[in-house]
Amino acid sequence: MNDYIVEVTVKRKQTWRLKTRKMLMVLLGVAFMVLEAFVPFAAVCGVAVFTGAYVLFKRWNLEFEYALAGMSLDITKIMSKETRKEVQSLNLMELSCIVEGFEKNIGGIKFDKICDYSSLEEKAAVDALVYESGICRTAYLIDADNEIGKKVKLLFPGKIVRGDRCESKS
Protein backbone atom coordinates (compact mmCIF):
# COMPACT_ATOMS: atom_id res chain seq x y z
CA MET A 1 0.00 0.00 0.00
CA ASN A 2 2.88 2.42 0.71
CA ASP A 3 4.94 1.44 -2.33
CA TYR A 4 4.24 4.53 -4.44
CA ILE A 5 6.86 6.93 -5.69
CA VAL A 6 6.02 10.41 -7.00
CA GLU A 7 8.59 12.98 -8.15
CA VAL A 8 7.99 16.61 -9.10
CA THR A 9 10.49 19.33 -10.02
CA VAL A 10 9.71 22.99 -9.27
CA LYS A 11 11.79 25.82 -10.76
CA ARG A 12 12.51 28.73 -8.40
CA LYS A 13 11.52 32.13 -9.77
CA GLN A 14 14.25 34.78 -9.84
CA THR A 15 13.25 37.63 -7.55
CA TRP A 16 14.00 41.29 -8.20
CA ARG A 17 16.65 41.18 -5.45
CA LEU A 18 18.47 38.38 -7.19
CA LYS A 19 18.30 40.15 -10.55
CA THR A 20 19.66 43.32 -8.92
CA ARG A 21 22.57 41.39 -7.38
CA LYS A 22 23.43 39.89 -10.75
CA MET A 23 23.35 43.27 -12.45
CA LEU A 24 25.53 44.87 -9.75
CA MET A 25 28.13 42.10 -10.00
CA VAL A 26 28.37 42.49 -13.78
CA LEU A 27 28.65 46.29 -13.47
CA LEU A 28 31.36 45.92 -10.82
CA GLY A 29 33.33 43.58 -13.10
CA VAL A 30 33.00 46.00 -16.02
CA ALA A 31 34.08 48.90 -13.80
CA PHE A 32 37.25 47.03 -12.80
CA MET A 33 38.01 46.25 -16.44
CA VAL A 34 37.63 49.95 -17.34
CA LEU A 35 39.85 50.91 -14.40
CA GLU A 36 42.62 48.77 -15.90
CA ALA A 37 43.59 51.79 -18.00
CA PHE A 38 44.44 53.72 -14.81
CA VAL A 39 45.24 51.10 -12.13
CA PRO A 40 47.63 48.26 -13.02
CA PHE A 41 45.97 45.38 -11.15
CA ALA A 42 42.33 46.34 -11.69
CA ALA A 43 41.95 43.73 -14.44
CA VAL A 44 42.86 40.99 -11.95
CA CYS A 45 40.06 42.22 -9.67
CA GLY A 46 37.70 42.35 -12.66
CA VAL A 47 38.51 38.76 -13.60
CA ALA A 48 37.99 37.71 -9.97
CA VAL A 49 34.59 39.45 -9.89
CA PHE A 50 33.52 37.81 -13.17
CA THR A 51 34.66 34.40 -11.89
CA GLY A 52 32.76 34.90 -8.65
CA ALA A 53 29.71 36.03 -10.58
CA TYR A 54 29.85 32.92 -12.76
CA VAL A 55 29.96 30.65 -9.71
CA LEU A 56 27.18 32.53 -7.90
CA PHE A 57 24.96 32.71 -11.00
CA LYS A 58 25.10 28.93 -11.23
CA ARG A 59 24.15 28.59 -7.55
CA TRP A 60 21.28 31.06 -7.91
CA ASN A 61 19.66 29.07 -10.74
CA LEU A 62 17.60 26.84 -8.43
CA GLU A 63 15.10 24.05 -8.78
CA PHE A 64 13.61 21.88 -6.06
CA GLU A 65 12.71 18.25 -6.56
CA TYR A 66 10.06 16.76 -4.30
CA ALA A 67 10.13 12.95 -4.09
CA LEU A 68 7.40 11.15 -2.18
CA ALA A 69 8.25 7.50 -1.46
CA GLY A 70 5.97 5.79 1.01
CA MET A 71 5.65 8.07 4.03
CA SER A 72 8.85 10.01 3.33
CA LEU A 73 9.09 13.30 1.45
CA ASP A 74 12.61 14.05 0.21
CA ILE A 75 13.43 17.56 -0.98
CA THR A 76 16.48 18.02 -3.20
CA LYS A 77 17.99 21.34 -4.30
CA ILE A 78 19.23 21.35 -7.91
CA MET A 79 21.65 24.16 -8.74
CA SER A 80 22.13 25.05 -12.40
CA LYS A 81 20.72 21.67 -13.51
CA GLU A 82 23.96 19.90 -12.64
CA THR A 83 24.60 19.91 -8.88
CA ARG A 84 22.16 18.12 -6.60
CA LYS A 85 22.02 18.42 -2.82
CA GLU A 86 19.47 16.75 -0.57
CA VAL A 87 18.25 19.47 1.75
CA GLN A 88 15.46 17.81 3.68
CA SER A 89 13.93 14.40 4.32
CA LEU A 90 10.58 14.58 6.09
CA ASN A 91 8.79 11.69 7.78
CA LEU A 92 5.13 12.43 7.04
CA MET A 93 3.98 10.31 9.99
CA GLU A 94 5.39 13.01 12.33
CA LEU A 95 3.50 15.81 10.54
CA SER A 96 1.55 18.08 12.92
CA CYS A 97 -0.65 19.76 10.34
CA ILE A 98 -0.82 21.04 6.78
CA VAL A 99 -1.60 24.76 6.55
CA GLU A 100 -3.41 25.16 3.25
CA GLY A 101 -2.91 28.49 1.47
CA PHE A 102 0.00 29.48 3.71
CA GLU A 103 0.90 33.14 4.09
CA LYS A 104 4.00 34.24 5.99
CA ASN A 105 2.17 37.02 7.79
CA ILE A 106 -0.43 34.85 9.53
CA GLY A 107 -1.06 36.39 12.91
CA GLY A 108 -1.92 33.35 15.02
CA ILE A 109 0.85 30.88 14.18
CA LYS A 110 4.39 31.57 15.33
CA PHE A 111 7.16 29.54 13.69
CA ASP A 112 10.68 29.11 14.97
CA LYS A 113 11.88 28.30 11.47
CA ILE A 114 10.42 28.58 7.96
CA CYS A 115 12.13 26.61 5.17
CA ASP A 116 10.90 27.86 1.79
CA TYR A 117 11.17 25.19 -0.93
CA SER A 118 8.49 26.75 -3.13
CA SER A 119 8.80 28.28 -6.59
CA LEU A 120 8.17 31.88 -5.36
CA GLU A 121 5.65 32.33 -8.19
CA GLU A 122 3.11 35.00 -7.28
CA LYS A 123 0.05 32.98 -8.29
CA ALA A 124 1.25 29.60 -7.02
CA ALA A 125 -0.58 28.13 -4.05
CA VAL A 126 1.75 27.26 -1.18
CA ASP A 127 1.15 24.78 1.62
CA ALA A 128 3.12 24.58 4.85
CA LEU A 129 3.98 21.18 6.28
CA VAL A 130 4.24 21.94 9.99
CA TYR A 131 6.36 19.86 12.34
CA GLU A 132 6.67 20.29 16.09
CA SER A 133 9.41 18.89 18.29
CA GLY A 134 9.31 20.05 21.86
CA ILE A 135 9.09 23.83 21.78
CA CYS A 136 10.31 24.19 18.18
CA ARG A 137 7.72 24.66 15.41
CA THR A 138 9.02 24.46 11.83
CA ALA A 139 7.14 25.10 8.57
CA TYR A 140 8.35 23.59 5.28
CA LEU A 141 6.81 25.46 2.35
CA ILE A 142 6.06 23.51 -0.82
CA ASP A 143 4.02 24.25 -3.94
CA ALA A 144 0.50 22.89 -3.47
CA ASP A 145 -0.73 22.65 -7.05
CA ASN A 146 1.42 19.71 -8.10
CA GLU A 147 1.09 15.98 -7.71
CA ILE A 148 3.07 15.88 -4.45
CA GLY A 149 0.97 18.52 -2.71
CA LYS A 150 -2.24 16.79 -3.73
CA LYS A 151 -0.94 13.36 -2.68
CA VAL A 152 0.11 14.58 0.79
CA LYS A 153 -3.35 16.09 1.29
CA LEU A 154 -4.97 12.82 0.23
CA LEU A 155 -2.82 10.87 2.70
CA PHE A 156 -3.63 13.15 5.65
CA PRO A 157 -7.05 14.78 5.12
CA GLY A 158 -7.58 15.18 8.88
CA LYS A 159 -4.46 17.32 9.28
CA ILE A 160 -5.42 20.01 6.74
CA VAL A 161 -6.18 23.40 8.30
CA ARG A 162 -6.68 26.89 6.97
CA GLY A 163 -5.29 30.07 8.44
CA ASP A 164 -4.03 29.99 12.01
CA ARG A 165 -5.76 26.92 13.49
CA CYS A 166 -2.75 24.55 13.61
CA GLU A 167 -2.99 23.03 17.09
CA SER A 168 0.00 21.48 18.81
CA LYS A 169 0.10 17.75 19.48
CA SER A 170 -0.53 17.44 23.22
C-alpha atoms as a PDB file:
ATOM      1  CA  MET A   1       0.000   0.000   0.000  1.00  0.00           C
ATOM      2  CA  ASN A   2       2.882   2.417   0.713  1.00  0.00           C
ATOM      3  CA  ASP A   3       4.942   1.436  -2.331  1.00  0.00           C
ATOM      4  CA  TYR A   4       4.237   4.531  -4.439  1.00  0.00           C
ATOM      5  CA  ILE A   5       6.862   6.935  -5.695  1.00  0.00           C
ATOM      6  CA  VAL A   6       6.016  10.405  -6.997  1.00  0.00           C
ATOM      7  CA  GLU A   7       8.585  12.981  -8.151  1.00  0.00           C
ATOM      8  CA  VAL A   8       7.989  16.609  -9.096  1.00  0.00           C
ATOM      9  CA  THR A   9      10.490  19.333 -10.020  1.00  0.00           C
ATOM     10  CA  VAL A  10       9.713  22.991  -9.266  1.00  0.00           C
ATOM     11  CA  LYS A  11      11.790  25.821 -10.762  1.00  0.00           C
ATOM     12  CA  ARG A  12      12.507  28.727  -8.400  1.00  0.00           C
ATOM     13  CA  LYS A  13      11.517  32.131  -9.774  1.00  0.00           C
ATOM     14  CA  GLN A  14      14.254  34.777  -9.836  1.00  0.00           C
ATOM     15  CA  THR A  15      13.251  37.626  -7.549  1.00  0.00           C
ATOM     16  CA  TRP A  16      14.004  41.289  -8.203  1.00  0.00           C
ATOM     17  CA  ARG A  17      16.652  41.184  -5.453  1.00  0.00           C
ATOM     18  CA  LEU A  18      18.475  38.376  -7.193  1.00  0.00           C
ATOM     19  CA  LYS A  19      18.298  40.145 -10.554  1.00  0.00           C
ATOM     20  CA  THR A  20      19.662  43.324  -8.921  1.00  0.00           C
ATOM     21  CA  ARG A  21      22.568  41.392  -7.377  1.00  0.00           C
ATOM     22  CA  LYS A  22      23.435  39.892 -10.748  1.00  0.00           C
ATOM     23  CA  MET A  23      23.350  43.270 -12.449  1.00  0.00           C
ATOM     24  CA  LEU A  24      25.533  44.873  -9.754  1.00  0.00           C
ATOM     25  CA  MET A  25      28.128  42.097 -10.000  1.00  0.00           C
ATOM     26  CA  VAL A  26      28.370  42.495 -13.776  1.00  0.00           C
ATOM     27  CA  LEU A  27      28.646  46.295 -13.471  1.00  0.00           C
ATOM     28  CA  LEU A  28      31.360  45.920 -10.824  1.00  0.00           C
ATOM     29  CA  GLY A  29      33.326  43.584 -13.099  1.00  0.00           C
ATOM     30  CA  VAL A  30      33.001  45.995 -16.024  1.00  0.00           C
ATOM     31  CA  ALA A  31      34.078  48.898 -13.796  1.00  0.00           C
ATOM     32  CA  PHE A  32      37.253  47.031 -12.801  1.00  0.00           C
ATOM     33  CA  MET A  33      38.008  46.249 -16.437  1.00  0.00           C
ATOM     34  CA  VAL A  34      37.632  49.955 -17.343  1.00  0.00           C
ATOM     35  CA  LEU A  35      39.846  50.914 -14.399  1.00  0.00           C
ATOM     36  CA  GLU A  36      42.615  48.766 -15.903  1.00  0.00           C
ATOM     37  CA  ALA A  37      43.588  51.790 -17.998  1.00  0.00           C
ATOM     38  CA  PHE A  38      44.440  53.722 -14.805  1.00  0.00           C
ATOM     39  CA  VAL A  39      45.243  51.100 -12.133  1.00  0.00           C
ATOM     40  CA  PRO A  40      47.634  48.256 -13.020  1.00  0.00           C
ATOM     41  CA  PHE A  41      45.967  45.379 -11.153  1.00  0.00           C
ATOM     42  CA  ALA A  42      42.326  46.341 -11.687  1.00  0.00           C
ATOM     43  CA  ALA A  43      41.950  43.730 -14.436  1.00  0.00           C
ATOM     44  CA  VAL A  44      42.864  40.988 -11.948  1.00  0.00           C
ATOM     45  CA  CYS A  45      40.064  42.219  -9.669  1.00  0.00           C
ATOM     46  CA  GLY A  46      37.700  42.351 -12.657  1.00  0.00           C
ATOM     47  CA  VAL A  47      38.506  38.755 -13.604  1.00  0.00           C
ATOM     48  CA  ALA A  48      37.992  37.710  -9.968  1.00  0.00           C
ATOM     49  CA  VAL A  49      34.586  39.447  -9.890  1.00  0.00           C
ATOM     50  CA  PHE A  50      33.520  37.807 -13.170  1.00  0.00           C
ATOM     51  CA  THR A  51      34.660  34.402 -11.894  1.00  0.00           C
ATOM     52  CA  GLY A  52      32.759  34.897  -8.650  1.00  0.00           C
ATOM     53  CA  ALA A  53      29.706  36.034 -10.585  1.00  0.00           C
ATOM     54  CA  TYR A  54      29.849  32.920 -12.759  1.00  0.00           C
ATOM     55  CA  VAL A  55      29.959  30.648  -9.709  1.00  0.00           C
ATOM     56  CA  LEU A  56      27.176  32.526  -7.899  1.00  0.00           C
ATOM     57  CA  PHE A  57      24.955  32.715 -10.997  1.00  0.00           C
ATOM     58  CA  LYS A  58      25.101  28.931 -11.228  1.00  0.00           C
ATOM     59  CA  ARG A  59      24.154  28.592  -7.550  1.00  0.00           C
ATOM     60  CA  TRP A  60      21.285  31.060  -7.910  1.00  0.00           C
ATOM     61  CA  ASN A  61      19.662  29.070 -10.735  1.00  0.00           C
ATOM     62  CA  LEU A  62      17.596  26.835  -8.434  1.00  0.00           C
ATOM     63  CA  GLU A  63      15.100  24.046  -8.777  1.00  0.00           C
ATOM     64  CA  PHE A  64      13.607  21.881  -6.062  1.00  0.00           C
ATOM     65  CA  GLU A  65      12.705  18.248  -6.556  1.00  0.00           C
ATOM     66  CA  TYR A  66      10.058  16.763  -4.296  1.00  0.00           C
ATOM     67  CA  ALA A  67      10.128  12.945  -4.093  1.00  0.00           C
ATOM     68  CA  LEU A  68       7.400  11.149  -2.182  1.00  0.00           C
ATOM     69  CA  ALA A  69       8.248   7.503  -1.455  1.00  0.00           C
ATOM     70  CA  GLY A  70       5.969   5.787   1.008  1.00  0.00           C
ATOM     71  CA  MET A  71       5.650   8.066   4.025  1.00  0.00           C
ATOM     72  CA  SER A  72       8.845  10.009   3.335  1.00  0.00           C
ATOM     73  CA  LEU A  73       9.087  13.297   1.449  1.00  0.00           C
ATOM     74  CA  ASP A  74      12.610  14.045   0.212  1.00  0.00           C
ATOM     75  CA  ILE A  75      13.426  17.565  -0.977  1.00  0.00           C
ATOM     76  CA  THR A  76      16.483  18.016  -3.196  1.00  0.00           C
ATOM     77  CA  LYS A  77      17.992  21.343  -4.300  1.00  0.00           C
ATOM     78  CA  ILE A  78      19.234  21.347  -7.914  1.00  0.00           C
ATOM     79  CA  MET A  79      21.650  24.163  -8.742  1.00  0.00           C
ATOM     80  CA  SER A  80      22.127  25.055 -12.400  1.00  0.00           C
ATOM     81  CA  LYS A  81      20.722  21.672 -13.506  1.00  0.00           C
ATOM     82  CA  GLU A  82      23.964  19.904 -12.636  1.00  0.00           C
ATOM     83  CA  THR A  83      24.600  19.910  -8.880  1.00  0.00           C
ATOM     84  CA  ARG A  84      22.156  18.120  -6.597  1.00  0.00           C
ATOM     85  CA  LYS A  85      22.019  18.417  -2.820  1.00  0.00           C
ATOM     86  CA  GLU A  86      19.467  16.746  -0.575  1.00  0.00           C
ATOM     87  CA  VAL A  87      18.246  19.474   1.749  1.00  0.00           C
ATOM     88  CA  GLN A  88      15.458  17.805   3.684  1.00  0.00           C
ATOM     89  CA  SER A  89      13.929  14.398   4.320  1.00  0.00           C
ATOM     90  CA  LEU A  90      10.576  14.581   6.094  1.00  0.00           C
ATOM     91  CA  ASN A  91       8.787  11.692   7.782  1.00  0.00           C
ATOM     92  CA  LEU A  92       5.134  12.425   7.037  1.00  0.00           C
ATOM     93  CA  MET A  93       3.978  10.306   9.991  1.00  0.00           C
ATOM     94  CA  GLU A  94       5.389  13.006  12.325  1.00  0.00           C
ATOM     95  CA  LEU A  95       3.498  15.807  10.537  1.00  0.00           C
ATOM     96  CA  SER A  96       1.549  18.084  12.925  1.00  0.00           C
ATOM     97  CA  CYS A  97      -0.653  19.763  10.343  1.00  0.00           C
ATOM     98  CA  ILE A  98      -0.819  21.040   6.778  1.00  0.00           C
ATOM     99  CA  VAL A  99      -1.596  24.763   6.546  1.00  0.00           C
ATOM    100  CA  GLU A 100      -3.415  25.164   3.246  1.00  0.00           C
ATOM    101  CA  GLY A 101      -2.907  28.492   1.469  1.00  0.00           C
ATOM    102  CA  PHE A 102       0.003  29.480   3.712  1.00  0.00           C
ATOM    103  CA  GLU A 103       0.900  33.136   4.089  1.00  0.00           C
ATOM    104  CA  LYS A 104       4.002  34.243   5.991  1.00  0.00           C
ATOM    105  CA  ASN A 105       2.175  37.023   7.795  1.00  0.00           C
ATOM    106  CA  ILE A 106      -0.429  34.852   9.532  1.00  0.00           C
ATOM    107  CA  GLY A 107      -1.060  36.392  12.910  1.00  0.00           C
ATOM    108  CA  GLY A 108      -1.921  33.348  15.022  1.00  0.00           C
ATOM    109  CA  ILE A 109       0.852  30.883  14.184  1.00  0.00           C
ATOM    110  CA  LYS A 110       4.388  31.570  15.331  1.00  0.00           C
ATOM    111  CA  PHE A 111       7.160  29.544  13.691  1.00  0.00           C
ATOM    112  CA  ASP A 112      10.684  29.108  14.972  1.00  0.00           C
ATOM    113  CA  LYS A 113      11.876  28.301  11.468  1.00  0.00           C
ATOM    114  CA  ILE A 114      10.421  28.575   7.962  1.00  0.00           C
ATOM    115  CA  CYS A 115      12.128  26.612   5.168  1.00  0.00           C
ATOM    116  CA  ASP A 116      10.900  27.857   1.794  1.00  0.00           C
ATOM    117  CA  TYR A 117      11.169  25.188  -0.928  1.00  0.00           C
ATOM    118  CA  SER A 118       8.485  26.751  -3.128  1.00  0.00           C
ATOM    119  CA  SER A 119       8.801  28.283  -6.595  1.00  0.00           C
ATOM    120  CA  LEU A 120       8.165  31.879  -5.357  1.00  0.00           C
ATOM    121  CA  GLU A 121       5.650  32.334  -8.186  1.00  0.00           C
ATOM    122  CA  GLU A 122       3.107  35.005  -7.281  1.00  0.00           C
ATOM    123  CA  LYS A 123       0.047  32.978  -8.291  1.00  0.00           C
ATOM    124  CA  ALA A 124       1.252  29.596  -7.023  1.00  0.00           C
ATOM    125  CA  ALA A 125      -0.582  28.132  -4.049  1.00  0.00           C
ATOM    126  CA  VAL A 126       1.749  27.260  -1.180  1.00  0.00           C
ATOM    127  CA  ASP A 127       1.150  24.778   1.620  1.00  0.00           C
ATOM    128  CA  ALA A 128       3.121  24.579   4.851  1.00  0.00           C
ATOM    129  CA  LEU A 129       3.975  21.183   6.279  1.00  0.00           C
ATOM    130  CA  VAL A 130       4.236  21.942   9.989  1.00  0.00           C
ATOM    131  CA  TYR A 131       6.364  19.864  12.340  1.00  0.00           C
ATOM    132  CA  GLU A 132       6.668  20.288  16.085  1.00  0.00           C
ATOM    133  CA  SER A 133       9.408  18.894  18.285  1.00  0.00           C
ATOM    134  CA  GLY A 134       9.311  20.050  21.862  1.00  0.00           C
ATOM    135  CA  ILE A 135       9.094  23.829  21.777  1.00  0.00           C
ATOM    136  CA  CYS A 136      10.306  24.188  18.181  1.00  0.00           C
ATOM    137  CA  ARG A 137       7.724  24.664  15.407  1.00  0.00           C
ATOM    138  CA  THR A 138       9.016  24.457  11.827  1.00  0.00           C
ATOM    139  CA  ALA A 139       7.136  25.097   8.572  1.00  0.00           C
ATOM    140  CA  TYR A 140       8.347  23.591   5.282  1.00  0.00           C
ATOM    141  CA  LEU A 141       6.809  25.458   2.349  1.00  0.00           C
ATOM    142  CA  ILE A 142       6.058  23.507  -0.821  1.00  0.00           C
ATOM    143  CA  ASP A 143       4.018  24.253  -3.936  1.00  0.00           C
ATOM    144  CA  ALA A 144       0.503  22.886  -3.465  1.00  0.00           C
ATOM    145  CA  ASP A 145      -0.726  22.652  -7.052  1.00  0.00           C
ATOM    146  CA  ASN A 146       1.416  19.714  -8.097  1.00  0.00           C
ATOM    147  CA  GLU A 147       1.087  15.979  -7.710  1.00  0.00           C
ATOM    148  CA  ILE A 148       3.071  15.876  -4.446  1.00  0.00           C
ATOM    149  CA  GLY A 149       0.969  18.525  -2.707  1.00  0.00           C
ATOM    150  CA  LYS A 150      -2.240  16.792  -3.729  1.00  0.00           C
ATOM    151  CA  LYS A 151      -0.944  13.358  -2.685  1.00  0.00           C
ATOM    152  CA  VAL A 152       0.107  14.579   0.792  1.00  0.00           C
ATOM    153  CA  LYS A 153      -3.353  16.094   1.293  1.00  0.00           C
ATOM    154  CA  LEU A 154      -4.969  12.818   0.233  1.00  0.00           C
ATOM    155  CA  LEU A 155      -2.824  10.865   2.704  1.00  0.00           C
ATOM    156  CA  PHE A 156      -3.633  13.154   5.651  1.00  0.00           C
ATOM    157  CA  PRO A 157      -7.051  14.782   5.125  1.00  0.00           C
ATOM    158  CA  GLY A 158      -7.581  15.184   8.881  1.00  0.00           C
ATOM    159  CA  LYS A 159      -4.456  17.321   9.277  1.00  0.00           C
ATOM    160  CA  ILE A 160      -5.424  20.007   6.738  1.00  0.00           C
ATOM    161  CA  VAL A 161      -6.182  23.396   8.299  1.00  0.00           C
ATOM    162  CA  ARG A 162      -6.681  26.889   6.968  1.00  0.00           C
ATOM    163  CA  GLY A 163      -5.290  30.068   8.436  1.00  0.00           C
ATOM    164  CA  ASP A 164      -4.031  29.985  12.010  1.00  0.00           C
ATOM    165  CA  ARG A 165      -5.760  26.915  13.492  1.00  0.00           C
ATOM    166  CA  CYS A 166      -2.749  24.554  13.612  1.00  0.00           C
ATOM    167  CA  GLU A 167      -2.994  23.030  17.086  1.00  0.00           C
ATOM    168  CA  SER A 168      -0.001  21.484  18.814  1.00  0.00           C
ATOM    169  CA  LYS A 169       0.097  17.746  19.479  1.00  0.00           C
ATOM    170  CA  SER A 170      -0.534  17.439  23.223  1.00  0.00           C
END
